Amino acid sequence: MKFAIAYLRVSTSEQGRSGLGLAAQRKAISDFAAAEGFELGDVISEVASGKLGMDERPGLRRALAQAAKQRCPVIVAKLDRLSRDVAFISGLMAAGTPFIVAELGIDTDPFILHLFAALSEKERKLIAARTKSALADLKAQGVQLGNRTNLPQAQALGQARNAEKALAFAAAILPEIRRLQAQAMTMAQIAEELNRRGVKTALGRTWHQSTVSRLLKTAN
């Protein structure tokens, strides 16, 4: 039986007190550990923003220290539970820190980790900026935010957020697609390579020649 440390993180004191998000993370990690033959040791959780550095994350430091002591990995439910910052994730990887993302699987290609970290960071920045702008526009129009009767405005804001997620995904994956193109790979071969690496489309589906072609046309 292999050992592992579980690390859970939520962003606000309210989530920390009520357990929102923690239960789901713990279940995801427990299910993954059972399926992959891991025995969980300590389950460490903390309330901290993903923007904070290692010095301000005592729970994560403790999890990594315990893992180093027991020579085992740290398991998180999703990559953004470690951080939404590419440099932070890259630093952990460069330092040889053993961590496993349950959502991505045990043998995740380093490229996939970088891709998801870049996507998470860009998505956070885009959504924060556009949401702030959209809310300001709605306030300027006299819309009372939080009013359930403002369904059209709420739907428009939701659509805008989905569009930003799609843009963030495209911005993160396009450099790799173009790198594969430069190797004289066809659209079908690129789709096959992305599927082999476990990369999903923005909608969580498998890649096809048409998917790759459509994404490239959108970017041009």
Protein backbone atom coordinates (compact mmCIF):
# COMPACT_ATOMS: atom_id res chain seq x y z
CA MET A 1 0.00 0.00 0.00
CA LYS A 2 1.34 3.44 -0.99
CA PHE A 3 1.02 6.37 1.40
CA ALA A 4 0.03 9.94 0.58
CA ILE A 5 -0.88 13.21 2.28
CA ALA A 6 -4.15 14.93 1.36
CA TYR A 7 -4.26 18.72 1.06
CA LEU A 8 -7.52 20.68 0.89
CA ARG A 9 -7.94 24.44 0.48
CA VAL A 10 -10.81 26.89 0.47
CA SER A 11 -10.57 30.62 -0.12
CA THR A 12 -12.77 32.28 2.48
CA SER A 13 -13.39 32.03 6.21
CA GLU A 14 -17.06 31.34 5.47
CA GLN A 15 -16.18 28.27 3.43
CA GLY A 16 -13.76 27.19 6.13
CA ARG A 17 -16.39 27.42 8.85
CA SER A 18 -19.23 25.80 6.94
CA GLY A 19 -17.18 23.14 5.19
CA LEU A 20 -18.37 24.20 1.74
CA GLY A 21 -16.01 22.76 -0.78
CA LEU A 22 -13.95 20.82 1.76
CA ALA A 23 -16.26 17.80 1.79
CA ALA A 24 -16.25 17.59 -2.01
CA GLN A 25 -12.46 17.85 -2.14
CA ARG A 26 -12.02 15.20 0.53
CA LYS A 27 -14.37 12.81 -1.27
CA ALA A 28 -12.58 13.34 -4.59
CA ILE A 29 -9.21 12.61 -2.98
CA SER A 30 -10.53 9.60 -1.03
CA ASP A 31 -12.12 8.10 -4.15
CA PHE A 32 -8.92 8.67 -6.13
CA ALA A 33 -6.74 7.18 -3.38
CA ALA A 34 -8.92 4.08 -3.14
CA ALA A 35 -8.87 3.58 -6.91
CA GLU A 36 -5.09 4.04 -7.17
CA GLY A 37 -4.11 2.04 -4.09
CA PHE A 38 -3.04 4.91 -1.81
CA GLU A 39 -3.51 4.99 1.94
CA LEU A 40 -4.09 8.54 3.13
CA GLY A 41 -2.13 9.70 6.13
CA ASP A 42 -2.74 13.25 7.33
CA VAL A 43 -5.55 15.23 5.74
CA ILE A 44 -4.51 18.86 5.97
CA SER A 45 -6.88 21.70 5.12
CA GLU A 46 -6.57 25.46 5.34
CA VAL A 47 -8.40 28.65 4.50
CA ALA A 48 -6.19 30.74 2.23
CA SER A 49 -6.29 32.53 -1.08
CA GLY A 50 -4.66 30.75 -3.98
CA LYS A 51 -2.84 34.02 -4.71
CA LEU A 52 -0.74 33.74 -1.56
CA GLY A 53 2.86 32.59 -1.64
CA MET A 54 4.32 29.65 0.25
CA ASP A 55 5.26 31.81 3.24
CA GLU A 56 1.59 32.61 3.81
CA ARG A 57 0.35 29.03 3.38
CA PRO A 58 1.21 27.18 6.63
CA GLY A 59 -1.12 24.30 5.78
CA LEU A 60 0.54 23.66 2.44
CA ARG A 61 4.01 23.95 3.99
CA ARG A 62 3.02 21.36 6.59
CA ALA A 63 1.59 19.03 3.94
CA LEU A 64 4.77 19.24 1.85
CA ALA A 65 6.98 18.77 4.92
CA GLN A 66 5.01 15.70 5.98
CA ALA A 67 5.23 14.29 2.46
CA ALA A 68 9.00 14.85 2.37
CA LYS A 69 9.39 13.18 5.77
CA GLN A 70 7.35 10.15 4.75
CA ARG A 71 8.70 10.16 1.18
CA CYS A 72 5.23 10.21 -0.32
CA PRO A 73 3.23 12.56 -2.56
CA VAL A 74 0.67 15.21 -1.68
CA ILE A 75 -2.71 14.63 -3.32
CA VAL A 76 -5.04 17.53 -4.17
CA ALA A 77 -8.48 17.33 -5.76
CA LYS A 78 -7.78 19.97 -8.42
CA LEU A 79 -4.68 21.88 -9.49
CA ASP A 80 -6.08 25.25 -8.40
CA ARG A 81 -6.19 23.97 -4.80
CA LEU A 82 -2.41 24.36 -4.90
CA SER A 83 -2.46 27.69 -6.72
CA ARG A 84 -3.84 29.59 -9.70
CA ASP A 85 -0.39 31.01 -10.40
CA VAL A 86 1.75 29.44 -13.13
CA ALA A 87 5.02 30.47 -11.48
CA PHE A 88 3.96 28.89 -8.19
CA ILE A 89 3.10 25.56 -9.83
CA SER A 90 6.25 25.65 -11.96
CA GLY A 91 8.30 26.30 -8.82
CA LEU A 92 6.87 23.22 -7.12
CA MET A 93 7.58 21.12 -10.19
CA ALA A 94 11.12 22.47 -10.59
CA ALA A 95 11.84 21.74 -6.93
CA GLY A 96 10.80 18.14 -7.47
CA THR A 97 7.89 18.45 -5.07
CA PRO A 98 5.82 15.26 -5.40
CA PHE A 99 2.15 16.11 -5.87
CA ILE A 100 -0.72 14.39 -7.63
CA VAL A 101 -3.86 16.06 -8.96
CA ALA A 102 -6.77 13.64 -8.57
CA GLU A 103 -8.75 15.34 -11.36
CA LEU A 104 -5.92 14.81 -13.87
CA GLY A 105 -4.74 11.35 -12.92
CA ILE A 106 -1.60 9.78 -11.52
CA ASP A 107 0.61 9.90 -14.63
CA THR A 108 -0.11 13.42 -15.83
CA ASP A 109 2.31 14.82 -18.40
CA PRO A 110 4.15 17.94 -17.09
CA PHE A 111 2.82 19.80 -20.14
CA ILE A 112 -0.73 19.16 -18.93
CA LEU A 113 0.07 20.59 -15.50
CA HIS A 114 1.56 23.72 -17.07
CA LEU A 115 -1.42 24.01 -19.40
CA PHE A 116 -4.00 23.81 -16.62
CA ALA A 117 -2.00 26.22 -14.45
CA ALA A 118 -1.78 28.73 -17.31
CA LEU A 119 -5.47 28.30 -18.07
CA SER A 120 -6.47 28.79 -14.44
CA GLU A 121 -4.33 31.91 -14.07
CA LYS A 122 -5.51 33.52 -17.29
CA GLU A 123 -9.14 32.62 -16.63
CA ARG A 124 -8.94 34.21 -13.17
CA LYS A 125 -7.51 37.44 -14.56
CA LEU A 126 -9.91 37.69 -17.49
CA ILE A 127 -13.03 36.91 -15.51
CA ALA A 128 -12.08 39.28 -12.69
CA ALA A 129 -11.48 42.16 -15.09
CA ARG A 130 -14.54 41.58 -17.28
CA THR A 131 -16.86 40.84 -14.37
CA LYS A 132 -15.81 44.07 -12.69
CA SER A 133 -16.48 45.96 -15.92
CA ALA A 134 -19.85 44.24 -16.46
CA LEU A 135 -21.00 44.97 -12.92
CA ALA A 136 -19.96 48.60 -13.29
CA ASP A 137 -21.99 48.86 -16.51
CA LEU A 138 -25.05 47.34 -14.87
CA LYS A 139 -24.78 49.73 -11.92
CA ALA A 140 -24.48 52.66 -14.32
CA GLN A 141 -27.73 51.50 -15.95
CA GLY A 142 -29.45 51.55 -12.58
CA VAL A 143 -29.72 47.77 -12.26
CA GLN A 144 -30.06 46.55 -8.68
CA LEU A 145 -27.53 43.76 -8.38
CA GLY A 146 -28.74 40.67 -6.56
CA ASN A 147 -32.34 41.34 -7.65
CA ARG A 148 -33.79 38.03 -8.90
CA THR A 149 -36.04 39.90 -11.34
CA ASN A 150 -32.99 40.94 -13.39
CA LEU A 151 -32.86 37.58 -15.18
CA PRO A 152 -31.76 38.93 -18.62
CA GLN A 153 -28.86 40.84 -17.07
CA ALA A 154 -27.83 37.81 -15.02
CA GLN A 155 -27.95 35.59 -18.10
CA ALA A 156 -25.88 38.10 -20.08
CA LEU A 157 -23.27 38.20 -17.33
CA GLY A 158 -23.17 34.40 -17.22
CA GLN A 159 -22.70 34.22 -20.99
CA ALA A 160 -19.89 36.77 -20.76
CA ARG A 161 -18.13 34.65 -18.13
CA ASN A 162 -18.45 31.53 -20.29
CA ALA A 163 -17.01 33.44 -23.23
CA GLU A 164 -14.06 34.55 -21.10
CA LYS A 165 -13.40 30.94 -20.05
CA ALA A 166 -13.34 29.91 -23.71
CA LEU A 167 -10.92 32.72 -24.54
CA ALA A 168 -8.68 31.78 -21.64
CA PHE A 169 -8.63 28.16 -22.77
CA ALA A 170 -7.77 29.11 -26.35
CA ALA A 171 -4.96 31.41 -25.19
CA ALA A 172 -3.48 28.60 -23.09
CA ILE A 173 -3.65 25.80 -25.66
CA LEU A 174 -2.86 27.69 -28.89
CA PRO A 175 0.92 27.97 -28.35
CA GLU A 176 1.20 24.18 -28.06
CA ILE A 177 -1.04 23.57 -31.08
CA ARG A 178 1.09 25.94 -33.15
CA ARG A 179 4.25 24.23 -31.90
CA LEU A 180 2.86 20.90 -33.12
CA GLN A 181 1.91 22.54 -36.42
CA ALA A 182 5.51 23.68 -36.80
CA GLN A 183 6.52 20.02 -36.62
CA ALA A 184 4.50 19.43 -39.82
CA MET A 185 1.72 17.62 -37.97
CA THR A 186 -1.72 17.58 -39.60
CA MET A 187 -4.87 18.71 -37.80
CA ALA A 188 -5.84 15.06 -37.28
CA GLN A 189 -2.39 14.24 -35.87
CA ILE A 190 -2.55 17.23 -33.52
CA ALA A 191 -5.97 16.10 -32.28
CA GLU A 192 -4.63 12.58 -31.73
CA GLU A 193 -1.61 13.92 -29.81
CA LEU A 194 -3.73 16.11 -27.53
CA ASN A 195 -6.04 13.19 -26.80
CA ARG A 196 -3.02 10.97 -26.08
CA ARG A 197 -1.81 13.50 -23.49
CA GLY A 198 -5.22 13.62 -21.84
CA VAL A 199 -5.97 17.22 -22.83
CA LYS A 200 -9.71 17.92 -23.11
CA THR A 201 -11.39 20.64 -25.17
CA ALA A 202 -12.90 23.70 -23.51
CA LEU A 203 -16.14 21.68 -23.17
CA GLY A 204 -14.35 18.71 -21.66
CA ARG A 205 -14.55 16.57 -24.80
CA THR A 206 -12.04 14.74 -26.98
CA TRP A 207 -10.29 16.50 -29.84
CA HIS A 208 -11.07 15.98 -33.53
CA GLN A 209 -9.54 17.41 -36.69
CA SER A 210 -12.47 19.83 -36.95
CA THR A 211 -12.01 20.97 -33.33
CA VAL A 212 -8.38 21.90 -33.92
CA SER A 213 -9.19 23.62 -37.22
CA ARG A 214 -12.04 25.61 -35.68
CA LEU A 215 -9.87 26.80 -32.79
CA LEU A 216 -7.14 27.97 -35.17
CA LYS A 217 -9.63 29.82 -37.36
CA THR A 218 -11.09 31.56 -34.31
CA ALA A 219 -7.63 32.70 -33.26
CA ASN A 220 -6.77 34.17 -36.67
